[in-house]
Amino acid sequence: MKLEIITPDKVLFTGEVNLIQLPGTMGSFEIMKNHAPIISSLEKGRVKIKDKDDKVSFIEINGGTLQVENNNILILTD
């Protein structure tokens, strides 16, 4: 899956991932390969990213919007 995390000022992350865990409005949730299309609001919190080599990293966000379609994940955040 291709993940992009973008703020108005810069790109925080771009790359291939196996899994991401997100702070959703109704609680934490995960996106894995072949996830159904979804648009969701995000709360302030930590995004957990597991890259294609299974290395885990974290990015703090202040909320935002998520779009998933055809294994492309786009996060727009502050």
C-alpha atoms as a PDB file:
ATOM      1  CA  MET A   1       0.000   0.000   0.000  1.00  0.00           C
ATOM      2  CA  LYS A   2       1.163   3.521  -0.676  1.00  0.00           C
ATOM      3  CA  LEU A   3       0.855   5.974   2.218  1.00  0.00           C
ATOM      4  CA  GLU A   4       1.123   9.760   2.085  1.00  0.00           C
ATOM      5  CA  ILE A   5       0.803  11.995   5.145  1.00  0.00           C
ATOM      6  CA  ILE A   6       0.593  15.646   4.120  1.00  0.00           C
ATOM      7  CA  THR A   7       0.318  18.939   6.025  1.00  0.00           C
ATOM      8  CA  PRO A   8      -0.279  22.355   4.433  1.00  0.00           C
ATOM      9  CA  ASP A   9       3.482  23.003   4.741  1.00  0.00           C
ATOM     10  CA  LYS A  10       5.176  19.698   3.935  1.00  0.00           C
ATOM     11  CA  VAL A  11       4.997  15.975   3.313  1.00  0.00           C
ATOM     12  CA  LEU A  12       5.504  14.111   6.607  1.00  0.00           C
ATOM     13  CA  PHE A  13       5.670  10.629   5.092  1.00  0.00           C
ATOM     14  CA  THR A  14       5.471   8.939   1.733  1.00  0.00           C
ATOM     15  CA  GLY A  15       6.207   5.297   1.073  1.00  0.00           C
ATOM     16  CA  GLU A  16       5.054   1.691   0.931  1.00  0.00           C
ATOM     17  CA  VAL A  17       3.526   0.247   4.107  1.00  0.00           C
ATOM     18  CA  ASN A  18       2.024  -3.039   5.295  1.00  0.00           C
ATOM     19  CA  LEU A  19      -0.212  -1.560   8.005  1.00  0.00           C
ATOM     20  CA  ILE A  20      -1.170   1.706   9.666  1.00  0.00           C
ATOM     21  CA  GLN A  21      -2.996   2.302  12.936  1.00  0.00           C
ATOM     22  CA  LEU A  22      -4.875   5.584  13.292  1.00  0.00           C
ATOM     23  CA  PRO A  23      -6.587   7.673  15.999  1.00  0.00           C
ATOM     24  CA  GLY A  24     -10.151   7.768  14.687  1.00  0.00           C
ATOM     25  CA  THR A  25     -12.987   9.865  16.079  1.00  0.00           C
ATOM     26  CA  MET A  26     -14.693   6.717  17.423  1.00  0.00           C
ATOM     27  CA  GLY A  27     -11.444   5.061  18.542  1.00  0.00           C
ATOM     28  CA  SER A  28      -8.276   3.560  17.114  1.00  0.00           C
ATOM     29  CA  PHE A  29      -8.454   1.518  13.900  1.00  0.00           C
ATOM     30  CA  GLU A  30      -6.117  -0.142  11.407  1.00  0.00           C
ATOM     31  CA  ILE A  31      -5.806  -0.186   7.635  1.00  0.00           C
ATOM     32  CA  MET A  32      -4.282  -3.229   5.925  1.00  0.00           C
ATOM     33  CA  LYS A  33      -3.817  -4.252   2.289  1.00  0.00           C
ATOM     34  CA  ASN A  34      -7.020  -4.434   0.200  1.00  0.00           C
ATOM     35  CA  HIS A  35      -9.045  -2.465   2.766  1.00  0.00           C
ATOM     36  CA  ALA A  36     -12.445  -1.310   1.540  1.00  0.00           C
ATOM     37  CA  PRO A  37     -12.596   2.321   0.386  1.00  0.00           C
ATOM     38  CA  ILE A  38     -13.102   4.664   3.329  1.00  0.00           C
ATOM     39  CA  ILE A  39     -13.086   8.345   4.227  1.00  0.00           C
ATOM     40  CA  SER A  40     -12.761   9.143   7.935  1.00  0.00           C
ATOM     41  CA  SER A  41     -11.993  12.009  10.274  1.00  0.00           C
ATOM     42  CA  LEU A  42      -8.994  11.608  12.566  1.00  0.00           C
ATOM     43  CA  GLU A  43      -8.372  12.850  16.095  1.00  0.00           C
ATOM     44  CA  LYS A  44      -5.179  14.196  17.613  1.00  0.00           C
ATOM     45  CA  GLY A  45      -2.871  11.291  18.355  1.00  0.00           C
ATOM     46  CA  ARG A  46      -0.228   8.937  17.063  1.00  0.00           C
ATOM     47  CA  VAL A  47      -0.190   7.180  13.701  1.00  0.00           C
ATOM     48  CA  LYS A  48       1.597   3.824  13.858  1.00  0.00           C
ATOM     49  CA  ILE A  49       3.239   2.869  10.570  1.00  0.00           C
ATOM     50  CA  LYS A  50       4.587  -0.588   9.765  1.00  0.00           C
ATOM     51  CA  ASP A  51       6.621  -0.299   6.555  1.00  0.00           C
ATOM     52  CA  LYS A  52       7.163  -2.955   3.899  1.00  0.00           C
ATOM     53  CA  ASP A  53      10.132  -4.327   5.914  1.00  0.00           C
ATOM     54  CA  ASP A  54       7.937  -4.498   9.072  1.00  0.00           C
ATOM     55  CA  LYS A  55       9.856  -1.622  10.707  1.00  0.00           C
ATOM     56  CA  VAL A  56       7.528   0.324  13.023  1.00  0.00           C
ATOM     57  CA  SER A  57       7.544   4.119  13.309  1.00  0.00           C
ATOM     58  CA  PHE A  58       5.177   6.725  14.751  1.00  0.00           C
ATOM     59  CA  ILE A  59       4.028  10.169  13.621  1.00  0.00           C
ATOM     60  CA  GLU A  60       2.056  12.550  15.853  1.00  0.00           C
ATOM     61  CA  ILE A  61      -0.862  14.331  14.173  1.00  0.00           C
ATOM     62  CA  ASN A  62      -3.295  17.013  15.340  1.00  0.00           C
ATOM     63  CA  GLY A  63      -6.304  15.442  13.659  1.00  0.00           C
ATOM     64  CA  GLY A  64      -7.219  15.429  10.013  1.00  0.00           C
ATOM     65  CA  THR A  65      -8.843  13.392   7.275  1.00  0.00           C
ATOM     66  CA  LEU A  66      -8.109   9.930   5.878  1.00  0.00           C
ATOM     67  CA  GLN A  67      -8.939   8.581   2.423  1.00  0.00           C
ATOM     68  CA  VAL A  68      -8.295   4.961   1.393  1.00  0.00           C
ATOM     69  CA  GLU A  69      -8.928   3.682  -2.126  1.00  0.00           C
ATOM     70  CA  ASN A  70      -7.230   0.966  -4.203  1.00  0.00           C
ATOM     71  CA  ASN A  71      -4.413   0.476  -1.651  1.00  0.00           C
ATOM     72  CA  ASN A  72      -3.606   4.211  -1.715  1.00  0.00           C
ATOM     73  CA  ILE A  73      -3.839   5.938   1.666  1.00  0.00           C
ATOM     74  CA  LEU A  74      -3.893   9.717   1.956  1.00  0.00           C
ATOM     75  CA  ILE A  75      -3.854  11.532   5.300  1.00  0.00           C
ATOM     76  CA  LEU A  76      -4.330  15.301   5.339  1.00  0.00           C
ATOM     77  CA  THR A  77      -3.414  16.790   8.714  1.00  0.00           C
ATOM     78  CA  ASP A  78      -2.449  20.072  10.387  1.00  0.00           C
END
